Amino acid sequence: MPQIFTATADTRLRAALLVAGLAVAGAGLFAGGYMDSSYATMVGWVQDQPVPFSHQHHVGGLGIDCRYCHTGVETSPQAGLPPTHVCMTCHSQVWTGAPVLAPVRESLASGQPIPWRRVARVPDYVYFNHAIHIDRGVPCVTCHGRVDQMPLLSRAQPFQMGWCLECHRDPAPHLRPPDQVTRMDWSDWDRHPEEHAFYGLDYVKAHGIEPARLDDCGICHR
């Protein structure tokens, strides 16, 4: 009776299984490394914008409050991008002929909004409400970083689910008085960490914030 398998068939099968196992493990390690890399998170990346707007100059230098340009941040799920007339409130008086501001003047003349490119964004299947976070004392700097030190705005956080859940599961350390949420350089907690701990826990209780409920999938995936 002729042999169905050759003498080396078993060796080839073992080698094939080993290669397949290594390929699966390698793919997992590659995917894991990729998801944590700046290529996936875009942390530190600067988006090309139609106008090279400097938060360092406007926020850090001039002291303009976040809410002056992002008008919906306290009342809407969306913070909002600044409409042209907000820019022209100042630039109809200063730097009126600057070439770098030509897109702003063209936008005002044509009525077409400036095509700003979003830097900080979550996937479309994630629900995020700016107003509720601001109302509960989550400062802008937690998600957006020290924009007052950024000549060109870059993404400060990965906006991945694990990062969001860390705060949802233990929100108290991240909270500050709501009237201080837009302050980039606010550091009272650095000087009085014990007050911060007390404030955060007390604020969580006072506003009925339930970390166990914030861990529910339906909070962000609706």
N, C-alpha and C. Protein backbone atom coordinates (compact mmCIF):
# COMPACT_ATOMS: atom_id res chain seq x y z
N MET A 1 0.87 -1.20 0.00
CA MET A 1 0.00 0.00 0.00
C MET A 1 0.89 1.24 0.00
N PRO A 2 0.70 2.14 -0.95
CA PRO A 2 1.55 3.34 -1.01
C PRO A 2 1.29 4.27 0.18
N GLN A 3 2.33 5.03 0.59
CA GLN A 3 2.20 5.96 1.71
C GLN A 3 1.39 7.21 1.30
N ILE A 4 0.48 7.62 2.18
CA ILE A 4 -0.31 8.82 1.92
C ILE A 4 0.53 10.07 2.21
N PHE A 5 1.30 10.04 3.27
CA PHE A 5 2.12 11.18 3.67
C PHE A 5 3.60 10.84 3.48
N THR A 6 4.36 11.82 3.12
CA THR A 6 5.80 11.63 2.97
C THR A 6 6.45 11.59 4.35
N ALA A 7 7.71 11.23 4.39
CA ALA A 7 8.43 11.12 5.66
C ALA A 7 8.60 12.47 6.34
N THR A 8 8.57 13.55 5.54
CA THR A 8 8.79 14.89 6.12
C THR A 8 7.48 15.66 6.36
N ALA A 9 6.33 15.03 6.13
CA ALA A 9 5.04 15.72 6.24
C ALA A 9 4.81 16.26 7.66
N ASP A 10 5.15 15.44 8.65
CA ASP A 10 4.93 15.86 10.03
C ASP A 10 5.79 17.08 10.36
N THR A 11 7.03 17.06 9.89
CA THR A 11 7.93 18.19 10.15
C THR A 11 7.41 19.46 9.48
N ARG A 12 6.92 19.34 8.25
CA ARG A 12 6.39 20.51 7.53
C ARG A 12 5.15 21.06 8.22
N LEU A 13 4.30 20.15 8.72
CA LEU A 13 3.09 20.60 9.42
C LEU A 13 3.45 21.37 10.68
N ARG A 14 4.41 20.85 11.44
CA ARG A 14 4.83 21.53 12.67
C ARG A 14 5.42 22.91 12.35
N ALA A 15 6.22 22.96 11.28
CA ALA A 15 6.83 24.23 10.89
C ALA A 15 5.76 25.24 10.46
N ALA A 16 4.75 24.73 9.71
CA ALA A 16 3.68 25.62 9.25
C ALA A 16 2.89 26.17 10.43
N LEU A 17 2.60 25.31 11.42
CA LEU A 17 1.87 25.76 12.60
C LEU A 17 2.68 26.78 13.40
N LEU A 18 4.00 26.53 13.48
CA LEU A 18 4.87 27.47 14.20
C LEU A 18 4.88 28.83 13.51
N VAL A 19 5.01 28.83 12.20
CA VAL A 19 5.03 30.08 11.44
C VAL A 19 3.70 30.82 11.60
N ALA A 20 2.59 30.07 11.53
CA ALA A 20 1.27 30.69 11.69
C ALA A 20 1.12 31.31 13.08
N GLY A 21 1.59 30.57 14.10
CA GLY A 21 1.52 31.10 15.47
C GLY A 21 2.33 32.36 15.63
N LEU A 22 3.55 32.34 15.08
CA LEU A 22 4.41 33.52 15.16
C LEU A 22 3.79 34.69 14.40
N ALA A 23 3.14 34.42 13.28
CA ALA A 23 2.51 35.49 12.50
C ALA A 23 1.37 36.13 13.27
N VAL A 24 0.55 35.29 13.91
CA VAL A 24 -0.56 35.83 14.71
C VAL A 24 -0.03 36.66 15.87
N ALA A 25 0.98 36.11 16.58
CA ALA A 25 1.55 36.85 17.71
C ALA A 25 2.18 38.16 17.24
N GLY A 26 2.90 38.10 16.12
CA GLY A 26 3.53 39.31 15.59
C GLY A 26 2.51 40.35 15.19
N ALA A 27 1.40 39.88 14.57
CA ALA A 27 0.36 40.82 14.17
C ALA A 27 -0.26 41.49 15.39
N GLY A 28 -0.45 40.70 16.46
CA GLY A 28 -1.01 41.28 17.68
C GLY A 28 -0.09 42.32 18.30
N LEU A 29 1.19 41.99 18.35
CA LEU A 29 2.16 42.94 18.90
C LEU A 29 2.25 44.19 18.04
N PHE A 30 2.20 44.00 16.73
CA PHE A 30 2.26 45.16 15.82
C PHE A 30 1.04 46.05 15.99
N ALA A 31 -0.14 45.41 16.05
CA ALA A 31 -1.37 46.19 16.21
C ALA A 31 -1.37 46.93 17.53
N GLY A 32 -0.93 46.24 18.60
CA GLY A 32 -0.88 46.89 19.90
C GLY A 32 0.08 48.06 19.92
N GLY A 33 1.25 47.86 19.32
CA GLY A 33 2.21 48.95 19.25
C GLY A 33 1.72 50.10 18.40
N TYR A 34 1.03 49.78 17.32
CA TYR A 34 0.51 50.82 16.44
C TYR A 34 -0.53 51.67 17.15
N MET A 35 -1.45 51.01 17.88
CA MET A 35 -2.52 51.75 18.54
C MET A 35 -1.99 52.69 19.61
N ASP A 36 -0.82 52.40 20.16
CA ASP A 36 -0.24 53.28 21.16
C ASP A 36 0.74 54.29 20.56
N SER A 37 0.98 54.18 19.28
CA SER A 37 1.94 55.07 18.64
C SER A 37 1.28 56.39 18.25
N SER A 38 2.09 57.40 18.00
CA SER A 38 1.56 58.70 17.60
C SER A 38 0.92 58.65 16.23
N TYR A 39 1.23 57.62 15.42
CA TYR A 39 0.58 57.48 14.12
C TYR A 39 -0.91 57.21 14.28
N ALA A 40 -1.24 56.46 15.34
CA ALA A 40 -2.64 56.16 15.60
C ALA A 40 -3.31 57.24 16.45
N THR A 41 -2.64 57.68 17.51
CA THR A 41 -3.24 58.65 18.43
C THR A 41 -3.14 60.08 17.94
N MET A 42 -2.14 60.35 17.08
CA MET A 42 -1.88 61.69 16.56
C MET A 42 -1.50 62.68 17.65
N VAL A 43 -1.10 62.18 18.82
CA VAL A 43 -0.66 63.06 19.90
C VAL A 43 0.61 63.79 19.47
N GLY A 44 0.59 65.10 19.62
CA GLY A 44 1.72 65.92 19.24
C GLY A 44 1.74 66.35 17.79
N TRP A 45 0.79 65.85 17.01
CA TRP A 45 0.75 66.20 15.59
C TRP A 45 0.04 67.54 15.40
N VAL A 46 0.55 68.33 14.48
CA VAL A 46 -0.05 69.63 14.14
C VAL A 46 -0.79 69.50 12.82
N GLN A 47 -2.04 69.96 12.79
CA GLN A 47 -2.84 69.97 11.56
C GLN A 47 -2.55 71.23 10.76
N ASP A 48 -2.42 71.07 9.45
CA ASP A 48 -2.31 72.24 8.60
C ASP A 48 -3.63 73.00 8.62
N GLN A 49 -3.56 74.30 8.82
CA GLN A 49 -4.76 75.14 8.90
C GLN A 49 -4.71 76.22 7.83
N PRO A 50 -5.87 76.71 7.42
CA PRO A 50 -5.89 77.79 6.42
C PRO A 50 -5.23 79.06 6.93
N VAL A 51 -5.21 79.25 8.25
CA VAL A 51 -4.54 80.39 8.88
C VAL A 51 -3.73 79.82 10.06
N PRO A 52 -2.45 80.11 10.17
CA PRO A 52 -1.64 79.57 11.27
C PRO A 52 -1.94 80.28 12.59
N PHE A 53 -3.08 79.95 13.16
CA PHE A 53 -3.53 80.60 14.39
C PHE A 53 -2.67 80.14 15.57
N SER A 54 -2.20 81.10 16.36
CA SER A 54 -1.35 80.78 17.51
C SER A 54 -2.13 80.94 18.81
N HIS A 55 -2.41 79.82 19.46
CA HIS A 55 -3.03 79.90 20.78
C HIS A 55 -2.05 80.49 21.80
N GLN A 56 -0.76 80.25 21.59
CA GLN A 56 0.23 80.82 22.50
C GLN A 56 0.13 82.34 22.53
N HIS A 57 -0.06 82.95 21.36
CA HIS A 57 -0.17 84.41 21.28
C HIS A 57 -1.52 84.89 21.81
N HIS A 58 -2.59 84.28 21.34
CA HIS A 58 -3.92 84.78 21.67
C HIS A 58 -4.34 84.45 23.10
N VAL A 59 -4.04 83.23 23.54
CA VAL A 59 -4.45 82.81 24.89
C VAL A 59 -3.37 83.16 25.92
N GLY A 60 -2.13 82.71 25.65
CA GLY A 60 -1.06 82.95 26.60
C GLY A 60 -0.62 84.40 26.65
N GLY A 61 -0.52 85.03 25.48
CA GLY A 61 -0.03 86.41 25.42
C GLY A 61 -1.10 87.45 25.68
N LEU A 62 -2.23 87.32 24.99
CA LEU A 62 -3.30 88.33 25.10
C LEU A 62 -4.32 88.00 26.17
N GLY A 63 -4.31 86.76 26.64
CA GLY A 63 -5.24 86.39 27.72
C GLY A 63 -6.68 86.20 27.27
N ILE A 64 -6.90 85.89 26.01
CA ILE A 64 -8.27 85.68 25.52
C ILE A 64 -8.81 84.38 26.09
N ASP A 65 -10.00 84.43 26.65
CA ASP A 65 -10.64 83.26 27.25
C ASP A 65 -11.11 82.30 26.15
N CYS A 66 -11.05 81.00 26.45
CA CYS A 66 -11.47 79.98 25.49
C CYS A 66 -12.87 80.24 24.95
N ARG A 67 -13.76 80.71 25.83
CA ARG A 67 -15.17 80.85 25.46
C ARG A 67 -15.42 82.00 24.50
N TYR A 68 -14.44 82.88 24.31
CA TYR A 68 -14.62 83.99 23.37
C TYR A 68 -14.72 83.46 21.94
N CYS A 69 -13.92 82.44 21.63
CA CYS A 69 -13.94 81.86 20.28
C CYS A 69 -14.80 80.60 20.21
N HIS A 70 -14.75 79.79 21.26
CA HIS A 70 -15.50 78.54 21.29
C HIS A 70 -16.79 78.78 22.09
N THR A 71 -17.72 79.42 21.44
CA THR A 71 -18.88 79.98 22.15
C THR A 71 -19.87 78.94 22.66
N GLY A 72 -19.84 77.73 22.11
CA GLY A 72 -20.82 76.74 22.52
C GLY A 72 -20.35 75.81 23.61
N VAL A 73 -19.16 76.04 24.14
CA VAL A 73 -18.57 75.06 25.04
C VAL A 73 -19.35 74.91 26.35
N GLU A 74 -20.06 75.94 26.79
CA GLU A 74 -20.80 75.85 28.05
C GLU A 74 -22.26 75.45 27.87
N THR A 75 -22.75 75.50 26.64
CA THR A 75 -24.19 75.30 26.42
C THR A 75 -24.51 74.21 25.41
N SER A 76 -23.51 73.65 24.76
CA SER A 76 -23.76 72.74 23.64
C SER A 76 -22.80 71.55 23.71
N PRO A 77 -23.21 70.43 23.11
CA PRO A 77 -22.25 69.31 23.01
C PRO A 77 -20.99 69.70 22.26
N GLN A 78 -21.11 70.61 21.29
CA GLN A 78 -19.98 71.05 20.49
C GLN A 78 -19.44 72.38 21.03
N ALA A 79 -18.12 72.46 21.16
CA ALA A 79 -17.53 73.72 21.60
C ALA A 79 -17.67 74.79 20.52
N GLY A 80 -17.63 74.36 19.26
CA GLY A 80 -17.77 75.30 18.16
C GLY A 80 -16.43 75.88 17.72
N LEU A 81 -16.29 76.08 16.42
CA LEU A 81 -15.11 76.73 15.87
C LEU A 81 -15.44 78.20 15.64
N PRO A 82 -14.47 79.08 15.77
CA PRO A 82 -14.78 80.52 15.71
C PRO A 82 -15.26 80.95 14.33
N PRO A 83 -16.42 81.61 14.25
CA PRO A 83 -16.87 82.17 12.98
C PRO A 83 -16.00 83.37 12.60
N THR A 84 -16.02 83.71 11.33
CA THR A 84 -15.13 84.75 10.83
C THR A 84 -15.33 86.09 11.53
N HIS A 85 -16.57 86.42 11.84
CA HIS A 85 -16.81 87.73 12.44
C HIS A 85 -16.15 87.87 13.81
N VAL A 86 -15.94 86.74 14.49
CA VAL A 86 -15.24 86.79 15.77
C VAL A 86 -13.79 87.18 15.54
N CYS A 87 -13.17 86.59 14.54
CA CYS A 87 -11.78 86.95 14.20
C CYS A 87 -11.69 88.43 13.82
N MET A 88 -12.68 88.89 13.05
CA MET A 88 -12.63 90.25 12.53
C MET A 88 -12.99 91.29 13.59
N THR A 89 -13.49 90.86 14.73
CA THR A 89 -13.72 91.80 15.82
C THR A 89 -12.44 92.56 16.14
N CYS A 90 -11.32 91.82 16.12
CA CYS A 90 -10.02 92.45 16.36
C CYS A 90 -9.32 92.81 15.06
N HIS A 91 -9.39 91.91 14.10
CA HIS A 91 -8.55 92.08 12.91
C HIS A 91 -9.14 93.03 11.86
N SER A 92 -10.26 93.64 12.19
CA SER A 92 -10.70 94.78 11.39
C SER A 92 -9.98 96.05 11.84
N GLN A 93 -9.25 95.93 12.98
CA GLN A 93 -8.55 97.08 13.54
C GLN A 93 -7.02 96.85 13.56
N VAL A 94 -6.59 95.62 13.74
CA VAL A 94 -5.15 95.32 13.84
C VAL A 94 -4.78 94.28 12.78
N TRP A 95 -3.59 94.42 12.24
CA TRP A 95 -3.09 93.53 11.19
C TRP A 95 -4.07 93.46 10.03
N THR A 96 -4.64 94.58 9.69
CA THR A 96 -5.72 94.60 8.69
C THR A 96 -5.27 94.18 7.30
N GLY A 97 -4.01 94.40 6.98
CA GLY A 97 -3.54 94.03 5.65
C GLY A 97 -2.54 92.89 5.64
N ALA A 98 -2.41 92.18 6.76
CA ALA A 98 -1.42 91.11 6.85
C ALA A 98 -1.73 90.00 5.85
N PRO A 99 -0.76 89.61 5.02
CA PRO A 99 -0.99 88.54 4.04
C PRO A 99 -1.46 87.23 4.68
N VAL A 100 -0.95 86.94 5.87
CA VAL A 100 -1.30 85.67 6.52
C VAL A 100 -2.79 85.63 6.87
N LEU A 101 -3.43 86.80 6.98
CA LEU A 101 -4.85 86.85 7.33
C LEU A 101 -5.74 87.00 6.11
N ALA A 102 -5.18 86.86 4.92
CA ALA A 102 -5.98 86.98 3.69
C ALA A 102 -7.17 86.01 3.68
N PRO A 103 -7.01 84.74 4.11
CA PRO A 103 -8.17 83.84 4.13
C PRO A 103 -9.30 84.32 5.03
N VAL A 104 -8.97 85.04 6.08
CA VAL A 104 -10.00 85.56 6.98
C VAL A 104 -10.78 86.66 6.27
N ARG A 105 -10.07 87.56 5.61
CA ARG A 105 -10.75 88.64 4.89
C ARG A 105 -11.58 88.10 3.73
N GLU A 106 -11.05 87.10 3.04
CA GLU A 106 -11.80 86.50 1.94
C GLU A 106 -13.06 85.81 2.45
N SER A 107 -12.97 85.17 3.62
CA SER A 107 -14.13 84.52 4.22
C SER A 107 -15.21 85.54 4.56
N LEU A 108 -14.81 86.67 5.10
CA LEU A 108 -15.77 87.71 5.44
C LEU A 108 -16.44 88.26 4.19
N ALA A 109 -15.66 88.46 3.13
CA ALA A 109 -16.20 89.03 1.90
C ALA A 109 -17.14 88.06 1.19
N SER A 110 -16.81 86.78 1.21
CA SER A 110 -17.60 85.78 0.47
C SER A 110 -18.74 85.19 1.27
N GLY A 111 -18.65 85.29 2.60
CA GLY A 111 -19.67 84.67 3.44
C GLY A 111 -19.44 83.19 3.66
N GLN A 112 -18.33 82.66 3.13
CA GLN A 112 -18.00 81.25 3.31
C GLN A 112 -17.13 81.08 4.57
N PRO A 113 -17.47 80.13 5.42
CA PRO A 113 -16.69 79.96 6.66
C PRO A 113 -15.26 79.52 6.37
N ILE A 114 -14.38 79.86 7.27
CA ILE A 114 -13.00 79.42 7.17
C ILE A 114 -12.96 77.90 7.40
N PRO A 115 -12.35 77.14 6.52
CA PRO A 115 -12.34 75.67 6.67
C PRO A 115 -11.32 75.18 7.69
N TRP A 116 -11.57 75.52 8.96
CA TRP A 116 -10.67 75.04 10.02
C TRP A 116 -10.69 73.52 10.07
N ARG A 117 -9.57 72.92 10.42
CA ARG A 117 -9.47 71.47 10.55
C ARG A 117 -9.43 71.10 12.02
N ARG A 118 -10.33 70.20 12.41
CA ARG A 118 -10.40 69.79 13.81
C ARG A 118 -9.12 69.10 14.24
N VAL A 119 -8.61 69.47 15.40
CA VAL A 119 -7.40 68.85 15.96
C VAL A 119 -7.78 67.78 16.98
N ALA A 120 -8.68 68.11 17.86
CA ALA A 120 -9.13 67.17 18.90
C ALA A 120 -10.51 66.67 18.51
N ARG A 121 -10.61 65.38 18.27
CA ARG A 121 -11.91 64.82 17.94
C ARG A 121 -11.96 63.36 18.35
N VAL A 122 -13.17 62.91 18.67
CA VAL A 122 -13.39 61.51 18.99
C VAL A 122 -14.08 60.87 17.79
N PRO A 123 -14.05 59.54 17.67
CA PRO A 123 -14.71 58.88 16.53
C PRO A 123 -16.21 59.22 16.47
N ASP A 124 -16.78 59.05 15.30
CA ASP A 124 -18.19 59.39 15.10
C ASP A 124 -19.13 58.55 15.95
N TYR A 125 -18.70 57.36 16.36
CA TYR A 125 -19.57 56.49 17.15
C TYR A 125 -19.47 56.79 18.65
N VAL A 126 -18.76 57.84 19.02
CA VAL A 126 -18.63 58.23 20.42
C VAL A 126 -19.40 59.53 20.66
N TYR A 127 -20.23 59.55 21.69
CA TYR A 127 -20.97 60.76 22.05
C TYR A 127 -20.20 61.51 23.13
N PHE A 128 -19.89 62.77 22.86
CA PHE A 128 -19.18 63.60 23.84
C PHE A 128 -19.89 64.94 23.94
N ASN A 129 -20.14 65.37 25.17
CA ASN A 129 -20.84 66.63 25.41
C ASN A 129 -19.92 67.59 26.16
N HIS A 130 -19.49 68.65 25.49
CA HIS A 130 -18.62 69.63 26.14
C HIS A 130 -19.32 70.29 27.33
N ALA A 131 -20.57 70.66 27.16
CA ALA A 131 -21.27 71.44 28.19
C ALA A 131 -21.31 70.72 29.53
N ILE A 132 -21.60 69.41 29.50
CA ILE A 132 -21.73 68.70 30.78
C ILE A 132 -20.38 68.57 31.46
N HIS A 133 -19.30 68.43 30.69
CA HIS A 133 -17.97 68.34 31.29
C HIS A 133 -17.56 69.69 31.91
N ILE A 134 -17.84 70.77 31.20
CA ILE A 134 -17.52 72.10 31.73
C ILE A 134 -18.34 72.37 32.99
N ASP A 135 -19.63 72.01 32.96
CA ASP A 135 -20.51 72.25 34.10
C ASP A 135 -20.06 71.47 35.33
N ARG A 136 -19.46 70.32 35.11
CA ARG A 136 -19.03 69.48 36.24
C ARG A 136 -17.60 69.78 36.68
N GLY A 137 -16.95 70.76 36.06
CA GLY A 137 -15.64 71.19 36.54
C GLY A 137 -14.46 70.49 35.90
N VAL A 138 -14.66 69.88 34.74
CA VAL A 138 -13.53 69.28 34.02
C VAL A 138 -12.85 70.40 33.23
N PRO A 139 -11.60 70.73 33.52
CA PRO A 139 -10.95 71.86 32.86
C PRO A 139 -10.55 71.54 31.41
N CYS A 140 -10.48 72.58 30.61
CA CYS A 140 -10.10 72.43 29.21
C CYS A 140 -8.73 71.77 29.07
N VAL A 141 -7.82 72.11 29.99
CA VAL A 141 -6.45 71.63 29.88
C VAL A 141 -6.35 70.11 30.03
N THR A 142 -7.33 69.48 30.66
CA THR A 142 -7.30 68.03 30.82
C THR A 142 -7.28 67.33 29.48
N CYS A 143 -8.08 67.80 28.55
CA CYS A 143 -8.17 67.15 27.23
C CYS A 143 -7.31 67.84 26.18
N HIS A 144 -7.19 69.15 26.27
CA HIS A 144 -6.53 69.90 25.19
C HIS A 144 -5.10 70.31 25.51
N GLY A 145 -4.66 70.07 26.75
CA GLY A 145 -3.30 70.43 27.11
C GLY A 145 -3.12 71.93 27.27
N ARG A 146 -1.88 72.35 27.45
CA ARG A 146 -1.57 73.77 27.65
C ARG A 146 -1.56 74.49 26.30
N VAL A 147 -2.74 74.76 25.79
CA VAL A 147 -2.84 75.42 24.49
C VAL A 147 -2.21 76.81 24.53
N ASP A 148 -2.13 77.39 25.73
CA ASP A 148 -1.53 78.71 25.86
C ASP A 148 -0.03 78.69 25.61
N GLN A 149 0.53 77.49 25.48
CA GLN A 149 1.96 77.35 25.19
C GLN A 149 2.21 76.76 23.80
N MET A 150 1.17 76.67 22.99
CA MET A 150 1.28 76.07 21.66
C MET A 150 1.24 77.13 20.57
N PRO A 151 2.36 77.40 19.90
CA PRO A 151 2.33 78.32 18.76
C PRO A 151 1.39 77.81 17.66
N LEU A 152 1.42 76.50 17.42
CA LEU A 152 0.48 75.84 16.52
C LEU A 152 -0.16 74.70 17.29
N LEU A 153 -1.46 74.62 17.23
CA LEU A 153 -2.20 73.67 18.07
C LEU A 153 -1.92 72.23 17.65
N SER A 154 -1.66 71.39 18.64
CA SER A 154 -1.46 69.97 18.39
C SER A 154 -2.33 69.18 19.35
N ARG A 155 -2.59 67.93 19.01
CA ARG A 155 -3.40 67.08 19.87
C ARG A 155 -2.61 66.72 21.11
N ALA A 156 -3.24 66.88 22.28
CA ALA A 156 -2.54 66.66 23.55
C ALA A 156 -2.79 65.28 24.15
N GLN A 157 -3.91 64.66 23.82
CA GLN A 157 -4.27 63.38 24.42
C GLN A 157 -4.70 62.38 23.34
N PRO A 158 -4.64 61.08 23.65
CA PRO A 158 -4.95 60.08 22.62
C PRO A 158 -6.44 59.94 22.31
N PHE A 159 -7.32 60.34 23.22
CA PHE A 159 -8.76 60.21 23.03
C PHE A 159 -9.16 58.77 22.71
N GLN A 160 -8.48 57.83 23.33
CA GLN A 160 -8.85 56.42 23.22
C GLN A 160 -9.74 56.05 24.40
N MET A 161 -10.49 54.97 24.26
CA MET A 161 -11.47 54.60 25.27
C MET A 161 -10.82 54.41 26.64
N GLY A 162 -9.67 53.75 26.69
CA GLY A 162 -9.02 53.53 27.96
C GLY A 162 -8.68 54.83 28.67
N TRP A 163 -8.26 55.83 27.90
CA TRP A 163 -7.91 57.13 28.48
C TRP A 163 -9.16 57.80 29.06
N CYS A 164 -10.27 57.75 28.34
CA CYS A 164 -11.51 58.34 28.84
C CYS A 164 -12.01 57.61 30.09
N LEU A 165 -11.91 56.28 30.08
CA LEU A 165 -12.41 55.51 31.21
C LEU A 165 -11.62 55.77 32.49
N GLU A 166 -10.35 56.06 32.37
CA GLU A 166 -9.55 56.36 33.56
C GLU A 166 -10.17 57.53 34.33
N CYS A 167 -10.62 58.54 33.61
CA CYS A 167 -11.24 59.70 34.25
C CYS A 167 -12.65 59.38 34.72
N HIS A 168 -13.41 58.64 33.90
CA HIS A 168 -14.79 58.31 34.26
C HIS A 168 -14.84 57.45 35.52
N ARG A 169 -13.87 56.59 35.69
CA ARG A 169 -13.87 55.70 36.85
C ARG A 169 -13.40 56.39 38.13
N ASP A 170 -12.65 57.47 37.98
CA ASP A 170 -12.16 58.21 39.15
C ASP A 170 -12.09 59.70 38.80
N PRO A 171 -13.25 60.36 38.70
CA PRO A 171 -13.27 61.75 38.23
C PRO A 171 -12.77 62.77 39.25
N ALA A 172 -12.85 62.47 40.54
CA ALA A 172 -12.57 63.46 41.57
C ALA A 172 -11.23 64.17 41.41
N PRO A 173 -10.13 63.47 41.13
CA PRO A 173 -8.84 64.18 41.03
C PRO A 173 -8.75 65.16 39.87
N HIS A 174 -9.66 65.05 38.91
CA HIS A 174 -9.57 65.88 37.71
C HIS A 174 -10.42 67.14 37.80
N LEU A 175 -11.23 67.26 38.84
CA LEU A 175 -12.19 68.36 38.90
C LEU A 175 -11.59 69.60 39.55
N ARG A 176 -12.14 70.74 39.15
CA ARG A 176 -11.77 72.02 39.76
C ARG A 176 -13.02 72.90 39.77
N PRO A 177 -13.02 74.02 40.47
CA PRO A 177 -14.20 74.89 40.48
C PRO A 177 -14.59 75.28 39.05
N PRO A 178 -15.89 75.21 38.71
CA PRO A 178 -16.31 75.49 37.34
C PRO A 178 -15.88 76.86 36.82
N ASP A 179 -15.72 77.84 37.71
CA ASP A 179 -15.30 79.16 37.22
C ASP A 179 -13.81 79.21 36.90
N GLN A 180 -13.13 78.09 37.06
CA GLN A 180 -11.69 78.04 36.76
C GLN A 180 -11.37 77.06 35.62
N VAL A 181 -12.39 76.52 34.97
CA VAL A 181 -12.13 75.45 34.01
C VAL A 181 -11.36 75.94 32.77
N THR A 182 -11.49 77.21 32.42
CA THR A 182 -10.79 77.70 31.23
C THR A 182 -9.42 78.28 31.54
N ARG A 183 -9.05 78.31 32.82
CA ARG A 183 -7.73 78.81 33.20
C ARG A 183 -6.67 77.77 32.87
N MET A 184 -5.74 78.13 32.01
CA MET A 184 -4.70 77.19 31.62
C MET A 184 -3.63 77.03 32.71
N ASP A 185 -3.36 78.11 33.43
CA ASP A 185 -2.24 78.12 34.38
C ASP A 185 -2.71 78.01 35.82
N TRP A 186 -3.96 77.61 36.04
CA TRP A 186 -4.50 77.54 37.40
C TRP A 186 -3.81 76.40 38.16
N SER A 187 -3.19 76.71 39.29
CA SER A 187 -2.38 75.70 39.99
C SER A 187 -2.61 75.70 41.49
N ASP A 188 -3.78 76.12 41.93
CA ASP A 188 -4.04 76.14 43.37
C ASP A 188 -3.90 74.75 43.98
N TRP A 189 -4.27 73.70 43.21
CA TRP A 189 -4.17 72.35 43.75
C TRP A 189 -2.71 71.96 43.98
N ASP A 190 -1.80 72.54 43.19
CA ASP A 190 -0.38 72.25 43.40
C ASP A 190 0.09 72.75 44.76
N ARG A 191 -0.49 73.88 45.17
CA ARG A 191 -0.09 74.45 46.45
C ARG A 191 -0.85 73.82 47.62
N HIS A 192 -2.09 73.34 47.34
CA HIS A 192 -2.92 72.78 48.41
C HIS A 192 -3.54 71.45 47.94
N PRO A 193 -2.71 70.42 47.77
CA PRO A 193 -3.24 69.15 47.24
C PRO A 193 -4.32 68.53 48.12
N GLU A 194 -4.25 68.77 49.41
CA GLU A 194 -5.26 68.20 50.30
C GLU A 194 -6.63 68.82 50.05
N GLU A 195 -6.66 70.09 49.69
CA GLU A 195 -7.92 70.75 49.36
C GLU A 195 -8.48 70.20 48.06
N HIS A 196 -7.61 69.89 47.13
CA HIS A 196 -8.06 69.33 45.85
C HIS A 196 -8.75 68.00 46.08
N ALA A 197 -8.13 67.13 46.87
CA ALA A 197 -8.71 65.82 47.14
C ALA A 197 -10.07 65.97 47.81
N PHE A 198 -10.15 66.87 48.79
CA PHE A 198 -11.42 67.08 49.49
C PHE A 198 -12.46 67.66 48.54
N TYR A 199 -12.04 68.66 47.75
CA TYR A 199 -12.98 69.31 46.84
C TYR A 199 -13.55 68.33 45.83
N GLY A 200 -12.67 67.54 45.21
CA GLY A 200 -13.11 66.63 44.17
C GLY A 200 -14.12 65.63 44.70
N LEU A 201 -13.84 65.01 45.84
CA LEU A 201 -14.77 64.03 46.40
C LEU A 201 -16.07 64.68 46.81
N ASP A 202 -15.98 65.87 47.40
CA ASP A 202 -17.17 66.58 47.83
C ASP A 202 -18.01 66.99 46.62
N TYR A 203 -17.35 67.42 45.56
CA TYR A 203 -18.06 67.85 44.36
C TYR A 203 -18.76 66.68 43.68
N VAL A 204 -18.10 65.53 43.66
CA VAL A 204 -18.71 64.33 43.09
C VAL A 204 -20.01 63.99 43.82
N LYS A 205 -19.98 64.07 45.15
CA LYS A 205 -21.17 63.76 45.94
C LYS A 205 -22.25 64.82 45.74
N ALA A 206 -21.86 66.09 45.76
CA ALA A 206 -22.82 67.19 45.68
C ALA A 206 -23.59 67.17 44.36
N HIS A 207 -22.94 66.79 43.28
CA HIS A 207 -23.58 66.81 41.96
C HIS A 207 -24.07 65.44 41.52
N GLY A 208 -24.03 64.50 42.41
CA GLY A 208 -24.57 63.19 42.09
C GLY A 208 -23.82 62.48 40.98
N ILE A 209 -22.54 62.73 40.87
CA ILE A 209 -21.73 62.04 39.86
C ILE A 209 -21.47 60.62 40.34
N GLU A 210 -21.85 59.65 39.54
CA GLU A 210 -21.71 58.25 39.93
C GLU A 210 -20.68 57.58 39.03
N PRO A 211 -19.44 57.41 39.51
CA PRO A 211 -18.42 56.77 38.70
C PRO A 211 -18.83 55.40 38.16
N ALA A 212 -19.59 54.64 38.95
CA ALA A 212 -20.02 53.32 38.49
C ALA A 212 -20.91 53.44 37.26
N ARG A 213 -21.74 54.46 37.23
CA ARG A 213 -22.62 54.67 36.07
C ARG A 213 -21.83 55.22 34.88
N LEU A 214 -20.80 56.02 35.14
CA LEU A 214 -20.00 56.58 34.05
C LEU A 214 -19.21 55.52 33.33
N ASP A 215 -19.15 54.32 33.90
CA ASP A 215 -18.45 53.21 33.28
C ASP A 215 -19.37 52.45 32.32
N ASP A 216 -20.63 52.83 32.25
CA ASP A 216 -21.60 52.15 31.41
C ASP A 216 -21.37 52.47 29.93
N CYS A 217 -21.47 51.48 29.08
CA CYS A 217 -21.22 51.67 27.65
C CYS A 217 -22.13 52.72 27.04
N GLY A 218 -23.40 52.76 27.52
CA GLY A 218 -24.39 53.66 26.94
C GLY A 218 -24.11 55.13 27.18
N ILE A 219 -23.20 55.46 28.09
CA ILE A 219 -22.87 56.85 28.34
C ILE A 219 -22.24 57.49 27.12
N CYS A 220 -21.35 56.77 26.47
CA CYS A 220 -20.62 57.31 25.32
C CYS A 220 -21.04 56.72 23.99
N HIS A 221 -21.61 55.53 24.01
CA HIS A 221 -22.03 54.86 22.77
C HIS A 221 -23.55 54.78 22.75
N ARG A 222 -24.16 55.72 22.03
CA ARG A 222 -25.62 55.84 22.04
C ARG A 222 -26.21 55.52 20.67
